[in-house]
Amino acid sequence: MSQTLSAELEGTGITVQVVCPGVVATEFHERQGMDLSMMPRMSAADVVTASLRGLELGETVCAPGVENGGLLDAVFQADLAAFGAQSPELATRYR
């Protein structure tokens, strides 16, 4: 949705970004009574840093823990291929 909205708003001066950080080290889980001390978590400061740098780089999708940005591009291209192949007919698997 963010990628589509970003494309629709291109040239308007409005920038759209979605941030997908995974689990972030905040007090949220503690307040819910969940112990995530054994789970790797990114700091909130790193998420903000990645988001701001992602905006500078022109990224619509910011995934701070994904080292290879090409993987995100591959997912986007796969989405385009899948949705570009839609038909007005009900897919066979749903009949």
PDB file of N, CA and C in Angstrom:
ATOM      1  N   MET A   1       0.820  -1.181   0.000  1.00  0.00           N
ATOM      2  CA  MET A   1       0.000   0.000   0.000  1.00  0.00           C
ATOM      3  C   MET A   1       0.872   1.256   0.000  1.00  0.00           C
ATOM      4  N   SER A   2       1.913   1.252   0.803  1.00  0.00           N
ATOM      5  CA  SER A   2       2.801   2.419   0.869  1.00  0.00           C
ATOM      6  C   SER A   2       3.492   2.662  -0.461  1.00  0.00           C
ATOM      7  N   GLN A   3       3.895   1.596  -1.130  1.00  0.00           N
ATOM      8  CA  GLN A   3       4.569   1.750  -2.418  1.00  0.00           C
ATOM      9  C   GLN A   3       3.615   2.321  -3.471  1.00  0.00           C
ATOM     10  N   THR A   4       2.378   1.875  -3.455  1.00  0.00           N
ATOM     11  CA  THR A   4       1.387   2.391  -4.399  1.00  0.00           C
ATOM     12  C   THR A   4       1.084   3.847  -4.104  1.00  0.00           C
ATOM     13  N   LEU A   5       0.890   4.173  -2.837  1.00  0.00           N
ATOM     14  CA  LEU A   5       0.619   5.555  -2.449  1.00  0.00           C
ATOM     15  C   LEU A   5       1.793   6.451  -2.817  1.00  0.00           C
ATOM     16  N   SER A   6       3.008   5.980  -2.584  1.00  0.00           N
ATOM     17  CA  SER A   6       4.196   6.744  -2.942  1.00  0.00           C
ATOM     18  C   SER A   6       4.230   7.036  -4.436  1.00  0.00           C
ATOM     19  N   ALA A   7       3.911   6.027  -5.246  1.00  0.00           N
ATOM     20  CA  ALA A   7       3.906   6.203  -6.697  1.00  0.00           C
ATOM     21  C   ALA A   7       2.823   7.197  -7.118  1.00  0.00           C
ATOM     22  N   GLU A   8       1.664   7.125  -6.466  1.00  0.00           N
ATOM     23  CA  GLU A   8       0.567   8.038  -6.805  1.00  0.00           C
ATOM     24  C   GLU A   8       0.892   9.483  -6.443  1.00  0.00           C
ATOM     25  N   LEU A   9       1.700   9.667  -5.407  1.00  0.00           N
ATOM     26  CA  LEU A   9       2.022  11.017  -4.933  1.00  0.00           C
ATOM     27  C   LEU A   9       3.324  11.563  -5.518  1.00  0.00           C
ATOM     28  N   GLU A  10       3.942  10.794  -6.405  1.00  0.00           N
ATOM     29  CA  GLU A  10       5.202  11.233  -7.010  1.00  0.00           C
ATOM     30  C   GLU A  10       5.028  12.600  -7.682  1.00  0.00           C
ATOM     31  N   GLY A  11       5.964  13.490  -7.402  1.00  0.00           N
ATOM     32  CA  GLY A  11       5.939  14.819  -7.991  1.00  0.00           C
ATOM     33  C   GLY A  11       5.105  15.833  -7.226  1.00  0.00           C
ATOM     34  N   THR A  12       4.469  15.414  -6.125  1.00  0.00           N
ATOM     35  CA  THR A  12       3.634  16.328  -5.348  1.00  0.00           C
ATOM     36  C   THR A  12       4.382  16.974  -4.185  1.00  0.00           C
ATOM     37  N   GLY A  13       5.588  16.478  -3.899  1.00  0.00           N
ATOM     38  CA  GLY A  13       6.327  16.980  -2.746  1.00  0.00           C
ATOM     39  C   GLY A  13       6.015  16.218  -1.467  1.00  0.00           C
ATOM     40  N   ILE A  14       5.120  15.255  -1.548  1.00  0.00           N
ATOM     41  CA  ILE A  14       4.771  14.429  -0.386  1.00  0.00           C
ATOM     42  C   ILE A  14       5.534  13.114  -0.496  1.00  0.00           C
ATOM     43  N   THR A  15       6.196  12.737   0.599  1.00  0.00           N
ATOM     44  CA  THR A  15       6.978  11.509   0.639  1.00  0.00           C
ATOM     45  C   THR A  15       6.288  10.498   1.539  1.00  0.00           C
ATOM     46  N   VAL A  16       6.230   9.265   1.087  1.00  0.00           N
ATOM     47  CA  VAL A  16       5.631   8.176   1.868  1.00  0.00           C
ATOM     48  C   VAL A  16       6.727   7.176   2.197  1.00  0.00           C
ATOM     49  N   GLN A  17       6.738   6.711   3.441  1.00  0.00           N
ATOM     50  CA  GLN A  17       7.695   5.690   3.845  1.00  0.00           C
ATOM     51  C   GLN A  17       7.028   4.762   4.844  1.00  0.00           C
ATOM     52  N   VAL A  18       7.273   3.477   4.707  1.00  0.00           N
ATOM     53  CA  VAL A  18       6.866   2.498   5.704  1.00  0.00           C
ATOM     54  C   VAL A  18       8.144   1.962   6.333  1.00  0.00           C
ATOM     55  N   VAL A  19       8.145   1.831   7.656  1.00  0.00           N
ATOM     56  CA  VAL A  19       9.308   1.320   8.380  1.00  0.00           C
ATOM     57  C   VAL A  19       8.943  -0.042   8.967  1.00  0.00           C
ATOM     58  N   CYS A  20       9.748  -1.044   8.670  1.00  0.00           N
ATOM     59  CA  CYS A  20       9.523  -2.424   9.111  1.00  0.00           C
ATOM     60  C   CYS A  20      10.721  -2.875   9.946  1.00  0.00           C
ATOM     61  N   PRO A  21      10.771  -2.487  11.227  1.00  0.00           N
ATOM     62  CA  PRO A  21      11.968  -2.750  12.014  1.00  0.00           C
ATOM     63  C   PRO A  21      12.043  -4.108  12.693  1.00  0.00           C
ATOM     64  N   GLY A  22      10.966  -4.861  12.716  1.00  0.00           N
ATOM     65  CA  GLY A  22      10.973  -6.073  13.535  1.00  0.00           C
ATOM     66  C   GLY A  22      10.731  -5.679  14.980  1.00  0.00           C
ATOM     67  N   VAL A  23      11.264  -6.439  15.911  1.00  0.00           N
ATOM     68  CA  VAL A  23      11.055  -6.158  17.338  1.00  0.00           C
ATOM     69  C   VAL A  23      12.008  -5.042  17.773  1.00  0.00           C
ATOM     70  N   VAL A  24      11.446  -4.030  18.420  1.00  0.00           N
ATOM     71  CA  VAL A  24      12.222  -2.871  18.872  1.00  0.00           C
ATOM     72  C   VAL A  24      12.307  -2.897  20.396  1.00  0.00           C
ATOM     73  N   ALA A  25      13.473  -2.553  20.919  1.00  0.00           N
ATOM     74  CA  ALA A  25      13.699  -2.534  22.369  1.00  0.00           C
ATOM     75  C   ALA A  25      13.033  -1.302  22.977  1.00  0.00           C
ATOM     76  N   THR A  26      11.808  -1.487  23.445  1.00  0.00           N
ATOM     77  CA  THR A  26      11.081  -0.430  24.155  1.00  0.00           C
ATOM     78  C   THR A  26      10.439  -1.070  25.380  1.00  0.00           C
ATOM     79  N   GLU A  27       9.749  -0.282  26.161  1.00  0.00           N
ATOM     80  CA  GLU A  27       9.068  -0.815  27.347  1.00  0.00           C
ATOM     81  C   GLU A  27       7.711  -1.433  27.015  1.00  0.00           C
ATOM     82  N   PHE A  28       7.299  -1.382  25.753  1.00  0.00           N
ATOM     83  CA  PHE A  28       5.985  -1.885  25.342  1.00  0.00           C
ATOM     84  C   PHE A  28       5.748  -3.316  25.818  1.00  0.00           C
ATOM     85  N   HIS A  29       6.690  -4.227  25.522  1.00  0.00           N
ATOM     86  CA  HIS A  29       6.497  -5.634  25.860  1.00  0.00           C
ATOM     87  C   HIS A  29       6.512  -5.867  27.369  1.00  0.00           C
ATOM     88  N   GLU A  30       7.359  -5.139  28.088  1.00  0.00           N
ATOM     89  CA  GLU A  30       7.379  -5.253  29.543  1.00  0.00           C
ATOM     90  C   GLU A  30       6.029  -4.882  30.129  1.00  0.00           C
ATOM     91  N   ARG A  31       5.452  -3.806  29.638  1.00  0.00           N
ATOM     92  CA  ARG A  31       4.143  -3.352  30.136  1.00  0.00           C
ATOM     93  C   ARG A  31       3.051  -4.369  29.831  1.00  0.00           C
ATOM     94  N   GLN A  32       3.261  -5.194  28.819  1.00  0.00           N
ATOM     95  CA  GLN A  32       2.298  -6.242  28.468  1.00  0.00           C
ATOM     96  C   GLN A  32       2.586  -7.532  29.242  1.00  0.00           C
ATOM     97  N   GLY A  33       3.628  -7.509  30.073  1.00  0.00           N
ATOM     98  CA  GLY A  33       3.998  -8.682  30.848  1.00  0.00           C
ATOM     99  C   GLY A  33       4.733  -9.734  30.038  1.00  0.00           C
ATOM    100  N   MET A  34       5.313  -9.329  28.918  1.00  0.00           N
ATOM    101  CA  MET A  34       6.026 -10.264  28.050  1.00  0.00           C
ATOM    102  C   MET A  34       7.529 -10.148  28.278  1.00  0.00           C
ATOM    103  N   ASP A  35       8.186 -11.282  28.412  1.00  0.00           N
ATOM    104  CA  ASP A  35       9.630 -11.290  28.585  1.00  0.00           C
ATOM    105  C   ASP A  35      10.288 -11.605  27.242  1.00  0.00           C
ATOM    106  N   LEU A  36      10.829 -10.601  26.604  1.00  0.00           N
ATOM    107  CA  LEU A  36      11.517 -10.789  25.327  1.00  0.00           C
ATOM    108  C   LEU A  36      13.018 -10.597  25.482  1.00  0.00           C
ATOM    109  N   SER A  37      13.516 -10.777  26.700  1.00  0.00           N
ATOM    110  CA  SER A  37      14.932 -10.532  26.966  1.00  0.00           C
ATOM    111  C   SER A  37      15.847 -11.438  26.141  1.00  0.00           C
ATOM    112  N   MET A  38      15.367 -12.578  25.706  1.00  0.00           N
ATOM    113  CA  MET A  38      16.195 -13.501  24.928  1.00  0.00           C
ATOM    114  C   MET A  38      16.098 -13.222  23.421  1.00  0.00           C
ATOM    115  N   MET A  39      15.189 -12.342  23.029  1.00  0.00           N
ATOM    116  CA  MET A  39      15.003 -12.049  21.606  1.00  0.00           C
ATOM    117  C   MET A  39      15.844 -10.844  21.209  1.00  0.00           C
ATOM    118  N   PRO A  40      16.568 -10.944  20.103  1.00  0.00           N
ATOM    119  CA  PRO A  40      17.332  -9.785  19.640  1.00  0.00           C
ATOM    120  C   PRO A  40      16.381  -8.647  19.266  1.00  0.00           C
ATOM    121  N   ARG A  41      16.706  -7.457  19.730  1.00  0.00           N
ATOM    122  CA  ARG A  41      15.852  -6.301  19.456  1.00  0.00           C
ATOM    123  C   ARG A  41      16.711  -5.131  19.027  1.00  0.00           C
ATOM    124  N   MET A  42      16.192  -4.366  18.093  1.00  0.00           N
ATOM    125  CA  MET A  42      16.882  -3.172  17.618  1.00  0.00           C
ATOM    126  C   MET A  42      16.509  -2.003  18.534  1.00  0.00           C
ATOM    127  N   SER A  43      17.433  -1.091  18.710  1.00  0.00           N
ATOM    128  CA  SER A  43      17.128   0.076  19.536  1.00  0.00           C
ATOM    129  C   SER A  43      16.227   1.035  18.763  1.00  0.00           C
ATOM    130  N   ALA A  44      15.413   1.765  19.494  1.00  0.00           N
ATOM    131  CA  ALA A  44      14.531   2.755  18.874  1.00  0.00           C
ATOM    132  C   ALA A  44      15.367   3.812  18.147  1.00  0.00           C
ATOM    133  N   ALA A  45      16.515   4.175  18.710  1.00  0.00           N
ATOM    134  CA  ALA A  45      17.386   5.174  18.072  1.00  0.00           C
ATOM    135  C   ALA A  45      17.876   4.682  16.709  1.00  0.00           C
ATOM    136  N   ASP A  46      18.212   3.387  16.610  1.00  0.00           N
ATOM    137  CA  ASP A  46      18.655   2.836  15.332  1.00  0.00           C
ATOM    138  C   ASP A  46      17.518   2.830  14.304  1.00  0.00           C
ATOM    139  N   VAL A  47      16.303   2.569  14.770  1.00  0.00           N
ATOM    140  CA  VAL A  47      15.146   2.586  13.860  1.00  0.00           C
ATOM    141  C   VAL A  47      14.954   3.992  13.296  1.00  0.00           C
ATOM    142  N   VAL A  48      15.048   4.993  14.148  1.00  0.00           N
ATOM    143  CA  VAL A  48      14.893   6.385  13.694  1.00  0.00           C
ATOM    144  C   VAL A  48      16.017   6.753  12.731  1.00  0.00           C
ATOM    145  N   THR A  49      17.249   6.382  13.069  1.00  0.00           N
ATOM    146  CA  THR A  49      18.391   6.669  12.194  1.00  0.00           C
ATOM    147  C   THR A  49      18.183   6.043  10.819  1.00  0.00           C
ATOM    148  N   ALA A  50      17.762   4.777  10.803  1.00  0.00           N
ATOM    149  CA  ALA A  50      17.539   4.085   9.530  1.00  0.00           C
ATOM    150  C   ALA A  50      16.419   4.747   8.735  1.00  0.00           C
ATOM    151  N   SER A  51      15.348   5.125   9.408  1.00  0.00           N
ATOM    152  CA  SER A  51      14.222   5.758   8.727  1.00  0.00           C
ATOM    153  C   SER A  51      14.632   7.076   8.074  1.00  0.00           C
ATOM    154  N   LEU A  52      15.332   7.902   8.817  1.00  0.00           N
ATOM    155  CA  LEU A  52      15.759   9.192   8.272  1.00  0.00           C
ATOM    156  C   LEU A  52      16.743   9.006   7.126  1.00  0.00           C
ATOM    157  N   ARG A  53      17.672   8.059   7.266  1.00  0.00           N
ATOM    158  CA  ARG A  53      18.623   7.798   6.180  1.00  0.00           C
ATOM    159  C   ARG A  53      17.894   7.209   4.972  1.00  0.00           C
ATOM    160  N   GLY A  54      16.913   6.352   5.234  1.00  0.00           N
ATOM    161  CA  GLY A  54      16.112   5.780   4.155  1.00  0.00           C
ATOM    162  C   GLY A  54      15.384   6.859   3.364  1.00  0.00           C
ATOM    163  N   LEU A  55      14.878   7.873   4.069  1.00  0.00           N
ATOM    164  CA  LEU A  55      14.240   8.997   3.385  1.00  0.00           C
ATOM    165  C   LEU A  55      15.247   9.724   2.498  1.00  0.00           C
ATOM    166  N   GLU A  56      16.460   9.927   3.017  1.00  0.00           N
ATOM    167  CA  GLU A  56      17.513  10.575   2.217  1.00  0.00           C
ATOM    168  C   GLU A  56      17.842   9.758   0.967  1.00  0.00           C
ATOM    169  N   LEU A  57      17.789   8.435   1.104  1.00  0.00           N
ATOM    170  CA  LEU A  57      18.112   7.543  -0.007  1.00  0.00           C
ATOM    171  C   LEU A  57      16.935   7.365  -0.969  1.00  0.00           C
ATOM    172  N   GLY A  58      15.786   7.901  -0.599  1.00  0.00           N
ATOM    173  CA  GLY A  58      14.602   7.768  -1.444  1.00  0.00           C
ATOM    174  C   GLY A  58      13.888   6.436  -1.299  1.00  0.00           C
ATOM    175  N   GLU A  59      14.100   5.743  -0.184  1.00  0.00           N
ATOM    176  CA  GLU A  59      13.451   4.450   0.037  1.00  0.00           C
ATOM    177  C   GLU A  59      12.014   4.638   0.500  1.00  0.00           C
ATOM    178  N   THR A  60      11.111   3.925  -0.127  1.00  0.00           N
ATOM    179  CA  THR A  60       9.726   3.899   0.345  1.00  0.00           C
ATOM    180  C   THR A  60       9.591   2.863   1.447  1.00  0.00           C
ATOM    181  N   VAL A  61      10.271   1.732   1.294  1.00  0.00           N
ATOM    182  CA  VAL A  61      10.253   0.675   2.312  1.00  0.00           C
ATOM    183  C   VAL A  61      11.589   0.681   3.032  1.00  0.00           C
ATOM    184  N   CYS A  62      11.547   0.930   4.333  1.00  0.00           N
ATOM    185  CA  CYS A  62      12.748   0.935   5.161  1.00  0.00           C
ATOM    186  C   CYS A  62      12.695  -0.275   6.092  1.00  0.00           C
ATOM    187  N   ALA A  63      13.630  -1.188   5.909  1.00  0.00           N
ATOM    188  CA  ALA A  63      13.740  -2.366   6.776  1.00  0.00           C
ATOM    189  C   ALA A  63      15.121  -2.308   7.416  1.00  0.00           C
ATOM    190  N   PRO A  64      15.238  -1.674   8.586  1.00  0.00           N
ATOM    191  CA  PRO A  64      16.537  -1.387   9.200  1.00  0.00           C
ATOM    192  C   PRO A  64      17.446  -2.589   9.425  1.00  0.00           C
ATOM    193  N   GLY A  65      16.892  -3.766   9.580  1.00  0.00           N
ATOM    194  CA  GLY A  65      17.722  -4.936   9.844  1.00  0.00           C
ATOM    195  C   GLY A  65      18.067  -5.744   8.608  1.00  0.00           C
ATOM    196  N   VAL A  66      17.584  -5.340   7.436  1.00  0.00           N
ATOM    197  CA  VAL A  66      17.865  -6.074   6.199  1.00  0.00           C
ATOM    198  C   VAL A  66      19.098  -5.460   5.552  1.00  0.00           C
ATOM    199  N   GLU A  67      20.189  -6.206   5.548  1.00  0.00           N
ATOM    200  CA  GLU A  67      21.452  -5.704   5.012  1.00  0.00           C
ATOM    201  C   GLU A  67      21.417  -5.532   3.502  1.00  0.00           C
ATOM    202  N   ASN A  68      20.835  -6.505   2.806  1.00  0.00           N
ATOM    203  CA  ASN A  68      20.819  -6.496   1.344  1.00  0.00           C
ATOM    204  C   ASN A  68      19.530  -5.849   0.837  1.00  0.00           C
ATOM    205  N   GLY A  69      19.607  -4.574   0.476  1.00  0.00           N
ATOM    206  CA  GLY A  69      18.439  -3.851  -0.027  1.00  0.00           C
ATOM    207  C   GLY A  69      17.885  -4.448  -1.303  1.00  0.00           C
ATOM    208  N   GLY A  70      18.702  -5.178  -2.039  1.00  0.00           N
ATOM    209  CA  GLY A  70      18.242  -5.840  -3.250  1.00  0.00           C
ATOM    210  C   GLY A  70      17.147  -6.856  -2.982  1.00  0.00           C
ATOM    211  N   LEU A  71      17.144  -7.427  -1.769  1.00  0.00           N
ATOM    212  CA  LEU A  71      16.092  -8.376  -1.411  1.00  0.00           C
ATOM    213  C   LEU A  71      14.735  -7.677  -1.354  1.00  0.00           C
ATOM    214  N   LEU A  72      14.718  -6.449  -0.833  1.00  0.00           N
ATOM    215  CA  LEU A  72      13.463  -5.683  -0.783  1.00  0.00           C
ATOM    216  C   LEU A  72      12.992  -5.350  -2.194  1.00  0.00           C
ATOM    217  N   ASP A  73      13.934  -5.008  -3.071  1.00  0.00           N
ATOM    218  CA  ASP A  73      13.587  -4.735  -4.463  1.00  0.00           C
ATOM    219  C   ASP A  73      13.015  -5.986  -5.135  1.00  0.00           C
ATOM    220  N   ALA A  74      13.582  -7.152  -4.827  1.00  0.00           N
ATOM    221  CA  ALA A  74      13.094  -8.407  -5.411  1.00  0.00           C
ATOM    222  C   ALA A  74      11.667  -8.699  -4.965  1.00  0.00           C
ATOM    223  N   VAL A  75      11.376  -8.434  -3.694  1.00  0.00           N
ATOM    224  CA  VAL A  75      10.012  -8.628  -3.186  1.00  0.00           C
ATOM    225  C   VAL A  75       9.050  -7.689  -3.911  1.00  0.00           C
ATOM    226  N   PHE A  76       9.458  -6.445  -4.094  1.00  0.00           N
ATOM    227  CA  PHE A  76       8.622  -5.466  -4.784  1.00  0.00           C
ATOM    228  C   PHE A  76       8.355  -5.902  -6.218  1.00  0.00           C
ATOM    229  N   GLN A  77       9.384  -6.360  -6.910  1.00  0.00           N
ATOM    230  CA  GLN A  77       9.218  -6.815  -8.290  1.00  0.00           C
ATOM    231  C   GLN A  77       8.296  -8.036  -8.358  1.00  0.00           C
ATOM    232  N   ALA A  78       8.405  -8.930  -7.383  1.00  0.00           N
ATOM    233  CA  ALA A  78       7.526 -10.107  -7.337  1.00  0.00           C
ATOM    234  C   ALA A  78       6.076  -9.671  -7.110  1.00  0.00           C
ATOM    235  N   ASP A  79       5.870  -8.691  -6.236  1.00  0.00           N
ATOM    236  CA  ASP A  79       4.520  -8.158  -6.017  1.00  0.00           C
ATOM    237  C   ASP A  79       3.952  -7.575  -7.305  1.00  0.00           C
ATOM    238  N   LEU A  80       4.760  -6.799  -8.008  1.00  0.00           N
ATOM    239  CA  LEU A  80       4.303  -6.213  -9.268  1.00  0.00           C
ATOM    240  C   LEU A  80       3.920  -7.297 -10.267  1.00  0.00           C
ATOM    241  N   ALA A  81       4.744  -8.339 -10.360  1.00  0.00           N
ATOM    242  CA  ALA A  81       4.461  -9.423 -11.294  1.00  0.00           C
ATOM    243  C   ALA A  81       3.168 -10.146 -10.917  1.00  0.00           C
ATOM    244  N   ALA A  82       2.985 -10.410  -9.629  1.00  0.00           N
ATOM    245  CA  ALA A  82       1.794 -11.128  -9.178  1.00  0.00           C
ATOM    246  C   ALA A  82       0.532 -10.312  -9.426  1.00  0.00           C
ATOM    247  N   PHE A  83       0.545  -9.064  -9.028  1.00  0.00           N
ATOM    248  CA  PHE A  83      -0.658  -8.251  -9.165  1.00  0.00           C
ATOM    249  C   PHE A  83      -0.866  -7.764 -10.585  1.00  0.00           C
ATOM    250  N   GLY A  84       0.201  -7.690 -11.354  1.00  0.00           N
ATOM    251  CA  GLY A  84       0.074  -7.327 -12.755  1.00  0.00           C
ATOM    252  C   GLY A  84      -0.529  -8.447 -13.587  1.00  0.00           C
ATOM    253  N   ALA A  85      -0.517  -9.656 -13.047  1.00  0.00           N
ATOM    254  CA  ALA A  85      -1.057 -10.816 -13.758  1.00  0.00           C
ATOM    255  C   ALA A  85      -2.509 -11.094 -13.374  1.00  0.00           C
ATOM    256  N   GLN A  86      -3.139 -10.156 -12.688  1.00  0.00           N
ATOM    257  CA  GLN A  86      -4.529 -10.364 -12.275  1.00  0.00           C
ATOM    258  C   GLN A  86      -5.467 -10.358 -13.468  1.00  0.00           C
ATOM    259  N   SER A  87      -6.538 -11.079 -13.299  1.00  0.00           N
ATOM    260  CA  SER A  87      -7.561 -11.198 -14.331  1.00  0.00           C
ATOM    261  C   SER A  87      -8.911 -10.863 -13.696  1.00  0.00           C
ATOM    262  N   PRO A  88      -9.865 -10.453 -14.477  1.00  0.00           N
ATOM    263  CA  PRO A  88     -11.199 -10.226 -13.924  1.00  0.00           C
ATOM    264  C   PRO A  88     -11.926 -11.542 -13.626  1.00  0.00           C
ATOM    265  N   GLU A  89     -11.327 -12.664 -14.037  1.00  0.00           N
ATOM    266  CA  GLU A  89     -11.915 -13.987 -13.801  1.00  0.00           C
ATOM    267  C   GLU A  89     -11.429 -14.556 -12.473  1.00  0.00           C
ATOM    268  N   LEU A  90     -12.270 -15.326 -11.812  1.00  0.00           N
ATOM    269  CA  LEU A  90     -11.902 -15.991 -10.569  1.00  0.00           C
ATOM    270  C   LEU A  90     -10.801 -17.009 -10.841  1.00  0.00           C
ATOM    271  N   ALA A  91      -9.745 -16.965 -10.050  1.00  0.00           N
ATOM    272  CA  ALA A  91      -8.635 -17.907 -10.216  1.00  0.00           C
ATOM    273  C   ALA A  91      -9.120 -19.338 -10.012  1.00  0.00           C
ATOM    274  N   THR A  92      -8.565 -20.251 -10.776  1.00  0.00           N
ATOM    275  CA  THR A  92      -8.968 -21.657 -10.746  1.00  0.00           C
ATOM    276  C   THR A  92      -8.908 -22.236  -9.341  1.00  0.00           C
ATOM    277  N   ARG A  93      -7.898 -21.867  -8.567  1.00  0.00           N
ATOM    278  CA  ARG A  93      -7.747 -22.460  -7.230  1.00  0.00           C
ATOM    279  C   ARG A  93      -8.884 -22.075  -6.295  1.00  0.00           C
ATOM    280  N   TYR A  94      -9.670 -21.059  -6.629  1.00  0.00           N
ATOM    281  CA  TYR A  94     -10.788 -20.639  -5.778  1.00  0.00           C
ATOM    282  C   TYR A  94     -12.135 -21.182  -6.254  1.00  0.00           C
ATOM    283  N   ARG A  95     -12.128 -21.916  -7.335  1.00  0.00           N
ATOM    284  CA  ARG A  95     -13.386 -22.457  -7.860  1.00  0.00           C
ATOM    285  C   ARG A  95     -13.732 -23.760  -7.188  1.00  0.00           C
TER     286      ARG A  95
END
